[in-house]
Amino acid sequence: MVNRKRIQKAQDRMKQQGIDAYLILTHDDYIYFFGEDRYQPRAIIPAHGVPIVVTFAGEEAEVKESLGVEDVRIFGSVGQQIKDVVQVMRGMIGDKEKLKIGVQMWFGTPAFLLNMFQRANPIVDVMDIAPVMDVLRMVKDHAEIALMQRAAEIAGIGMETAVKTLRPGITENEVAAEVEYAMRKAGGHGVATPVFVNSGVRSGWLHGTASDKVIETGDLVVLDLVPRYKGYCANLCRTFVIGTPTAKQMDMFETYKSAQAAGIAALRPGRKMRDIDAAAKKVYTENGYGEFYVAGISHSIGLSFEETPAPTIHPGDSGIQISDGMTVTIGHPVLSVPGTGGVRLEDTFHISGSVAKPLTAFPAELELPLGS
C-alpha cells in the first residue's frame, strides 16, 4: 500500500524547494513510497494532491487493488507512457511559465527515458530531487532496519557458501554462481551490485566482477556481496588467501582490519563522515600504506547500494554529520598494492543511539578455515 506519511513528508519538502512534482523512474524511490516494485516503476507525486501511478494496461486492476491509489494511468507502449506523463504535466502548469519537475539523478535513472521526457515537455525544467529525498531516506525506520537485517543475514549465507566453494582450480564465475544461488535460495531478491570474486592480481581492482579466471594457490580473493531483500540491501566483503598467506599478504590484511576497526570506532552520532576516513587513513599511514589509501571508506546504504552520504562520489558528502538511525558501511575501498594484490573488508552498520550496531556478521580471517 501507499505510504501516505512518506508522501506527505516528501510533498512538504517539495513545496519548500519550489518543486512542482516528482517524476519517479527508479526502483528504490518507487519501493520507498509504494512498498512494492515493478519492472518499469513509474509514478508522479505532485507537490499538492494524490500520487499518480503510470502502469501497463494489463496491470491496472492489480495496481489499484494492491496499492489503493486513486489515479492510475495505463499505457501500451513507451510512447504512450511518455504521452500520458506529458498530459499530466500540462494539466498542472496553470498560470506558470514552466514546471519544476524533480527526478532522481543517480545510478538507476534511465537516461533515454529522461531525455524523451524532456524533449516532449518544453514546459518543464528538470531538477535533481536529492534536496527532497536525501534527508528522508538517510534515516531508516524500524521496518527498514528489519529488511536490511534480513539482507545482511542473506549476505552471511552467501559468504559461507563462498568459503565452502573456494579452492584452487575453480573459476571466479563458478564461485559467484554458487554464491548467488545460495542467496536466492535463502530468500534474496537478486543483488544490488554484481557478486565480486576478484582473485590474484584482480584482487587489487577498485571495482570487481567475476570472470573466467581460474583461482590459484597463493591468490588473494576479494568477495563482495550486496544482496537485496524486498528492495533493501546490505554489504558484506571479505578477503581470503588460497593456501598459506605470505608475510606481505598478512600485513596488508591486518592493516585493513585495524583501519576498519578505527573507522568503526569513529562511527558515532555528531561525528562527520570525514572523521571515519581520518581514523582509517591514520592506521594506513602508521603501517606504511598511506600512499595507497583511497578516500571514502564509508557510505550510506539502504534501498540503493550507495546512498547519500557517498563521499567517494560526492566529496562534499564528507562533511555530512552522522546521526541516529543512519545505516552505513565501513570498508568501501580496496587496499591495492602493485605486485601483491588487494585486501578489503566491509560491513554494514545501523546507528542506534550512540552505538554503531553491526547488521552483517562474518569472521574476518585471511586464511580459509580447515575443511572448507
Protein backbone atom coordinates (compact mmCIF):
# COMPACT_ATOMS: atom_id res chain seq x y z
CA MET A 1 0.00 0.00 0.00
CA VAL A 2 0.98 3.62 -0.49
CA ASN A 3 2.95 5.07 2.42
CA ARG A 4 0.96 8.26 2.92
CA LYS A 5 3.21 9.60 5.67
CA ARG A 6 6.30 9.39 3.47
CA ILE A 7 4.46 11.03 0.59
CA GLN A 8 3.29 13.88 2.82
CA LYS A 9 6.84 14.46 4.09
CA ALA A 10 8.12 14.49 0.52
CA GLN A 11 5.39 16.92 -0.56
CA ASP A 12 6.22 19.25 2.32
CA ARG A 13 9.87 19.32 1.26
CA MET A 14 8.94 19.75 -2.41
CA LYS A 15 6.97 22.87 -1.50
CA GLN A 16 9.96 24.20 0.44
CA GLN A 17 12.24 23.57 -2.55
CA GLY A 18 9.80 25.01 -5.11
CA ILE A 19 9.41 21.65 -6.90
CA ASP A 20 6.01 21.10 -8.52
CA ALA A 21 6.17 17.32 -8.84
CA TYR A 22 8.45 14.31 -8.51
CA LEU A 23 8.65 12.04 -11.55
CA ILE A 24 9.69 8.61 -10.25
CA LEU A 25 11.66 6.50 -12.74
CA THR A 26 13.69 4.35 -10.33
CA HIS A 27 13.06 1.21 -8.32
CA ASP A 28 14.33 2.50 -4.98
CA ASP A 29 12.06 5.51 -4.57
CA TYR A 30 9.11 3.61 -6.03
CA ILE A 31 9.60 0.98 -3.31
CA TYR A 32 10.08 3.71 -0.71
CA PHE A 33 6.66 5.21 -1.41
CA PHE A 34 4.60 2.28 -2.66
CA GLY A 35 6.06 -0.69 -0.79
CA GLU A 36 6.50 -2.86 -3.89
CA ASP A 37 8.47 -2.94 -7.12
CA ARG A 38 7.72 -3.12 -10.83
CA TYR A 39 9.98 -3.93 -13.74
CA GLN A 40 9.39 -0.39 -15.02
CA PRO A 41 8.40 1.69 -11.97
CA ARG A 42 6.72 4.93 -12.99
CA ALA A 43 4.81 7.38 -10.81
CA ILE A 44 4.22 11.09 -10.29
CA ILE A 45 3.98 12.66 -6.86
CA PRO A 46 2.70 16.24 -7.18
CA ALA A 47 3.54 18.80 -4.50
CA HIS A 48 -0.22 19.06 -3.97
CA GLY A 49 -2.71 16.23 -4.34
CA VAL A 50 -2.64 12.44 -4.66
CA PRO A 51 0.08 10.34 -6.31
CA ILE A 52 -0.38 9.10 -9.86
CA VAL A 53 0.86 5.66 -10.89
CA VAL A 54 1.66 5.04 -14.56
CA THR A 55 1.49 1.36 -15.41
CA PHE A 56 0.88 -1.17 -18.20
CA ALA A 57 -2.76 -1.73 -19.16
CA GLY A 58 -2.71 -5.38 -18.09
CA GLU A 59 -1.62 -4.41 -14.57
CA GLU A 60 -4.24 -1.72 -13.89
CA ALA A 61 -6.63 -3.77 -11.75
CA GLU A 62 -3.85 -5.32 -9.71
CA VAL A 63 -2.15 -1.95 -9.10
CA LYS A 64 -5.38 -0.35 -7.95
CA GLU A 65 -6.06 -3.22 -5.56
CA SER A 66 -2.54 -3.67 -4.19
CA LEU A 67 -1.63 0.00 -3.84
CA GLY A 68 -5.01 1.54 -3.20
CA VAL A 69 -4.22 4.55 -5.37
CA GLU A 70 -6.99 6.70 -6.79
CA ASP A 71 -5.28 7.76 -10.01
CA VAL A 72 -3.74 5.14 -12.33
CA ARG A 73 -2.71 5.99 -15.89
CA ILE A 74 -2.29 3.00 -18.18
CA PHE A 75 -0.11 2.61 -21.28
CA GLY A 76 0.51 0.06 -24.02
CA SER A 77 3.87 1.38 -25.20
CA VAL A 78 6.74 3.60 -24.06
CA GLY A 79 5.50 6.31 -26.42
CA GLN A 80 2.07 6.25 -24.82
CA GLN A 81 3.65 6.25 -21.37
CA ILE A 82 5.51 9.47 -22.22
CA LYS A 83 2.32 10.95 -23.72
CA ASP A 84 0.36 10.26 -20.52
CA VAL A 85 3.04 11.89 -18.38
CA VAL A 86 3.11 14.92 -20.68
CA GLN A 87 -0.67 15.30 -20.36
CA VAL A 88 -0.41 15.19 -16.59
CA MET A 89 2.28 17.89 -16.63
CA ARG A 90 0.24 20.12 -18.92
CA GLY A 91 -2.69 19.80 -16.56
CA MET A 92 -0.52 21.00 -13.67
CA ILE A 93 1.04 24.10 -15.20
CA GLY A 94 -1.81 26.55 -14.58
CA ASP A 95 -0.52 30.12 -14.94
CA LYS A 96 3.15 29.18 -14.53
CA GLU A 97 5.64 29.63 -17.35
CA LYS A 98 7.36 26.36 -16.53
CA LEU A 99 7.04 23.47 -14.13
CA LYS A 100 9.91 22.39 -11.92
CA ILE A 101 9.99 18.61 -12.01
CA GLY A 102 12.25 16.63 -9.71
CA VAL A 103 13.96 13.48 -10.97
CA GLN A 104 16.41 11.21 -9.17
CA MET A 105 19.88 11.76 -10.67
CA TRP A 106 21.58 8.55 -9.59
CA PHE A 107 22.72 5.15 -10.83
CA GLY A 108 19.35 3.68 -11.80
CA THR A 109 17.76 6.57 -13.71
CA PRO A 110 17.10 5.54 -17.34
CA ALA A 111 18.79 8.34 -19.27
CA PHE A 112 16.98 7.61 -22.55
CA LEU A 113 13.57 7.91 -20.90
CA LEU A 114 14.50 11.13 -19.14
CA ASN A 115 15.75 12.51 -22.45
CA MET A 116 12.49 11.58 -24.17
CA PHE A 117 10.51 13.20 -21.36
CA GLN A 118 12.49 16.44 -21.60
CA ARG A 119 12.15 16.66 -25.38
CA ALA A 120 8.41 16.03 -25.17
CA ASN A 121 7.97 18.55 -22.35
CA PRO A 122 9.28 22.03 -23.24
CA ILE A 123 7.21 23.43 -20.38
CA VAL A 124 9.36 21.56 -17.85
CA ASP A 125 12.61 22.33 -16.07
CA VAL A 126 14.11 19.10 -14.73
CA MET A 127 16.00 19.29 -11.44
CA ASP A 128 17.62 16.86 -9.02
CA ILE A 129 15.19 15.54 -6.38
CA ALA A 130 18.09 14.95 -3.95
CA PRO A 131 17.30 18.01 -1.76
CA VAL A 132 13.91 16.41 -1.09
CA MET A 133 14.74 12.72 -0.85
CA ASP A 134 18.24 12.52 0.64
CA VAL A 135 17.18 13.75 4.07
CA LEU A 136 14.12 11.47 4.13
CA ARG A 137 15.98 8.32 3.13
CA MET A 138 19.13 8.93 5.15
CA VAL A 139 17.46 7.87 8.42
CA LYS A 140 15.80 4.43 8.42
CA ASP A 141 12.74 3.41 10.42
CA HIS A 142 12.32 0.10 12.27
CA ALA A 143 10.67 -1.62 9.31
CA GLU A 144 13.54 -0.65 7.02
CA ILE A 145 16.16 -1.85 9.51
CA ALA A 146 14.39 -5.22 9.76
CA LEU A 147 14.58 -5.65 5.99
CA MET A 148 18.24 -4.66 5.94
CA GLN A 149 18.96 -7.09 8.77
CA ARG A 150 17.47 -9.89 6.69
CA ALA A 151 19.55 -8.81 3.69
CA ALA A 152 22.61 -8.92 5.95
CA GLU A 153 21.78 -12.45 7.07
CA ILE A 154 21.45 -13.48 3.43
CA ALA A 155 24.86 -11.93 2.73
CA GLY A 156 26.29 -14.09 5.51
CA ILE A 157 24.82 -17.19 3.91
CA GLY A 158 26.39 -16.18 0.61
CA MET A 159 29.80 -15.67 2.22
CA GLU A 160 29.60 -19.02 4.00
CA THR A 161 28.89 -20.64 0.63
CA ALA A 162 31.87 -18.85 -0.88
CA VAL A 163 34.17 -20.19 1.83
CA LYS A 164 32.97 -23.73 1.19
CA THR A 165 33.36 -23.30 -2.58
CA LEU A 166 36.78 -21.62 -2.82
CA ARG A 167 39.62 -23.91 -3.89
CA PRO A 168 42.46 -23.98 -6.42
CA GLY A 169 41.23 -24.78 -9.93
CA ILE A 170 37.73 -23.30 -9.66
CA THR A 171 36.87 -20.17 -11.64
CA GLU A 172 35.69 -16.89 -10.18
CA ASN A 173 32.47 -17.24 -12.13
CA GLU A 174 31.78 -20.70 -10.69
CA VAL A 175 32.17 -19.33 -7.17
CA ALA A 176 29.86 -16.40 -7.97
CA ALA A 177 27.22 -18.78 -9.36
CA GLU A 178 27.17 -20.85 -6.17
CA VAL A 179 27.01 -17.73 -4.01
CA GLU A 180 24.15 -16.16 -5.96
CA TYR A 181 22.20 -19.41 -5.94
CA ALA A 182 22.62 -19.77 -2.17
CA MET A 183 21.44 -16.21 -1.54
CA ARG A 184 18.42 -16.67 -3.81
CA LYS A 185 17.56 -19.95 -2.04
CA ALA A 186 17.76 -18.08 1.27
CA GLY A 187 15.11 -15.63 0.08
CA GLY A 188 17.23 -12.95 -1.52
CA HIS A 189 15.74 -10.95 -4.37
CA GLY A 190 18.83 -10.61 -6.52
CA VAL A 191 21.84 -8.39 -5.93
CA ALA A 192 22.33 -4.63 -5.90
CA THR A 193 25.78 -4.98 -7.49
CA PRO A 194 27.33 -7.95 -9.30
CA VAL A 195 28.95 -10.51 -6.99
CA PHE A 196 32.65 -9.65 -6.80
CA VAL A 197 35.04 -12.60 -6.91
CA ASN A 198 38.37 -10.97 -7.67
CA SER A 199 41.45 -13.19 -7.38
CA GLY A 200 45.19 -12.81 -7.85
CA VAL A 201 46.19 -9.53 -9.47
CA ARG A 202 42.48 -8.77 -9.94
CA SER A 203 42.05 -8.61 -6.16
CA GLY A 204 43.61 -5.15 -6.38
CA TRP A 205 40.88 -3.81 -8.66
CA LEU A 206 38.89 -0.90 -7.23
CA HIS A 207 35.66 -2.32 -8.65
CA GLY A 208 35.10 -6.01 -9.19
CA THR A 209 33.24 -8.67 -11.07
CA ALA A 210 33.55 -12.42 -11.61
CA SER A 211 35.46 -13.69 -14.63
CA ASP A 212 36.57 -16.99 -16.11
CA LYS A 213 39.92 -16.64 -14.36
CA VAL A 214 40.97 -19.80 -12.55
CA ILE A 215 41.70 -19.27 -8.87
CA GLU A 216 45.20 -20.46 -7.97
CA THR A 217 47.13 -21.34 -4.84
CA GLY A 218 48.61 -18.20 -3.30
CA ASP A 219 45.88 -15.92 -4.71
CA LEU A 220 44.23 -13.25 -2.62
CA VAL A 221 40.48 -13.40 -3.28
CA VAL A 222 38.19 -10.44 -2.56
CA LEU A 223 34.50 -11.35 -2.28
CA ASP A 224 31.96 -8.53 -2.14
CA LEU A 225 28.25 -9.34 -1.68
CA VAL A 226 25.31 -6.91 -1.76
CA PRO A 227 22.10 -8.97 -1.76
CA ARG A 228 18.65 -7.40 -1.85
CA TYR A 229 15.65 -8.32 0.27
CA LYS A 230 12.36 -6.62 -0.60
CA GLY A 231 14.35 -3.79 -2.16
CA TYR A 232 16.75 -3.22 0.74
CA CYS A 233 20.36 -4.33 0.72
CA ALA A 234 23.35 -4.93 2.96
CA ASN A 235 27.05 -5.04 2.08
CA LEU A 236 29.49 -7.72 3.24
CA CYS A 237 33.04 -8.03 1.90
CA ARG A 238 35.81 -10.40 2.95
CA THR A 239 39.27 -11.31 1.67
CA PHE A 240 40.77 -14.80 1.74
CA VAL A 241 44.04 -16.33 0.61
CA ILE A 242 44.19 -19.69 -1.13
CA GLY A 243 46.76 -21.61 0.87
CA THR A 244 49.25 -20.13 3.32
CA PRO A 245 49.49 -16.32 3.32
CA THR A 246 52.77 -14.55 2.73
CA ALA A 247 54.09 -12.08 5.28
CA LYS A 248 53.11 -9.20 2.97
CA GLN A 249 49.58 -10.51 2.48
CA MET A 250 49.13 -10.92 6.23
CA ASP A 251 50.50 -7.44 6.90
CA MET A 252 48.08 -5.88 4.41
CA PHE A 253 45.19 -7.83 5.90
CA GLU A 254 45.97 -6.84 9.48
CA THR A 255 46.40 -3.22 8.41
CA TYR A 256 43.00 -3.17 6.73
CA LYS A 257 41.38 -4.92 9.69
CA SER A 258 42.81 -2.30 12.05
CA ALA A 259 41.80 0.55 9.73
CA GLN A 260 38.24 -0.74 9.56
CA ALA A 261 38.15 -1.05 13.36
CA ALA A 262 39.36 2.55 13.68
CA GLY A 263 36.63 3.67 11.28
CA ILE A 264 34.00 1.78 13.27
CA ALA A 265 35.21 3.43 16.48
CA ALA A 266 34.73 6.84 14.83
CA LEU A 267 31.19 5.96 13.70
CA ARG A 268 29.20 7.92 16.28
CA PRO A 269 26.39 10.50 16.15
CA GLY A 270 27.78 14.02 15.96
CA ARG A 271 30.92 12.97 14.10
CA LYS A 272 31.28 13.63 10.37
CA MET A 273 31.95 11.24 7.53
CA ARG A 274 35.44 12.70 7.13
CA ASP A 275 36.26 11.64 10.71
CA ILE A 276 35.84 8.00 9.70
CA ASP A 277 38.27 8.50 6.82
CA ALA A 278 40.77 10.28 9.05
CA ALA A 279 40.77 7.44 11.57
CA ALA A 280 41.26 4.78 8.90
CA LYS A 281 43.92 6.71 6.99
CA LYS A 282 45.92 7.20 10.20
CA VAL A 283 46.21 3.41 10.52
CA TYR A 284 47.28 3.09 6.88
CA THR A 285 49.96 5.73 7.35
CA GLU A 286 51.29 4.26 10.59
CA ASN A 287 51.68 0.90 8.86
CA GLY A 288 53.41 2.25 5.77
CA TYR A 289 50.44 2.19 3.38
CA GLY A 290 49.47 5.86 3.41
CA GLU A 291 50.13 6.30 -0.32
CA PHE A 292 47.60 3.56 -1.11
CA TYR A 293 44.69 4.99 0.87
CA VAL A 294 41.57 5.68 -1.21
CA ALA A 295 39.25 8.24 0.38
CA GLY A 296 35.68 7.24 1.12
CA ILE A 297 35.88 4.23 3.43
CA SER A 298 32.27 4.78 4.48
CA HIS A 299 29.00 5.47 2.68
CA SER A 300 25.28 5.19 3.35
CA ILE A 301 23.31 2.14 2.20
CA GLY A 302 19.64 1.12 2.09
CA LEU A 303 17.38 0.91 -0.95
CA SER A 304 20.46 1.62 -3.01
CA PHE A 305 23.88 0.02 -2.54
CA GLU A 306 25.37 3.50 -2.23
CA GLU A 307 23.29 6.39 -0.96
CA THR A 308 23.91 9.87 0.41
CA PRO A 309 26.26 10.43 2.13
CA ALA A 310 28.55 8.91 -0.51
CA PRO A 311 31.93 10.69 -0.25
CA THR A 312 33.54 8.54 -2.95
CA ILE A 313 31.08 10.03 -5.46
CA HIS A 314 30.44 13.43 -3.92
CA PRO A 315 33.47 14.61 -1.88
CA GLY A 316 31.29 17.27 -0.28
CA ASP A 317 29.38 14.50 1.48
CA SER A 318 32.40 14.04 3.75
CA GLY A 319 31.06 16.96 5.75
CA ILE A 320 27.70 15.30 6.47
CA GLN A 321 27.14 14.62 10.15
CA ILE A 322 26.39 11.10 11.34
CA SER A 323 23.01 10.84 13.06
CA ASP A 324 20.91 8.30 14.91
CA GLY A 325 19.06 5.98 12.53
CA MET A 326 21.55 6.10 9.67
CA THR A 327 22.85 2.93 8.03
CA VAL A 328 26.37 2.95 6.62
CA THR A 329 29.12 0.61 5.54
CA ILE A 330 32.73 0.69 6.70
CA GLY A 331 35.34 -0.76 4.34
CA HIS A 332 34.43 0.50 0.89
CA PRO A 333 37.79 0.95 -0.97
CA VAL A 334 40.38 -1.77 -1.52
CA LEU A 335 43.95 -1.61 -0.18
CA SER A 336 45.68 -2.26 -3.51
CA VAL A 337 49.44 -2.79 -3.60
CA PRO A 338 51.02 -3.35 -7.04
CA GLY A 339 52.73 -6.72 -7.24
CA THR A 340 50.78 -8.17 -4.33
CA GLY A 341 47.06 -7.61 -4.97
CA GLY A 342 44.34 -6.23 -2.81
CA VAL A 343 42.62 -6.63 0.55
CA ARG A 344 39.22 -5.39 1.60
CA LEU A 345 36.78 -5.92 4.49
CA GLU A 346 33.36 -4.27 4.55
CA ASP A 347 30.38 -4.45 6.92
CA THR A 348 27.04 -2.71 7.30
CA PHE A 349 26.08 -0.80 10.44
CA HIS A 350 22.99 0.82 11.93
CA ILE A 351 23.49 3.84 14.17
CA SER A 352 21.25 3.20 17.19
CA GLY A 353 21.58 5.80 19.91
CA SER A 354 25.32 6.20 20.46
CA VAL A 355 26.13 2.69 19.23
CA ALA A 356 27.14 1.50 15.77
CA LYS A 357 25.30 -1.82 15.64
CA PRO A 358 26.63 -4.28 13.05
CA LEU A 359 23.99 -5.77 10.76
CA THR A 360 26.43 -8.06 8.95
CA ALA A 361 28.30 -10.74 10.85
CA PHE A 362 31.01 -12.99 9.44
CA PRO A 363 34.51 -13.82 10.72
CA ALA A 364 37.24 -11.62 9.27
CA GLU A 365 40.06 -14.13 8.80
CA LEU A 366 42.50 -14.22 5.91
CA GLU A 367 43.02 -17.99 5.89
CA LEU A 368 40.19 -20.26 4.88
CA PRO A 369 39.04 -22.50 7.75
CA LEU A 370 40.25 -26.08 7.70
CA GLY A 371 37.81 -28.42 6.00
CA SER A 372 36.26 -25.69 3.84
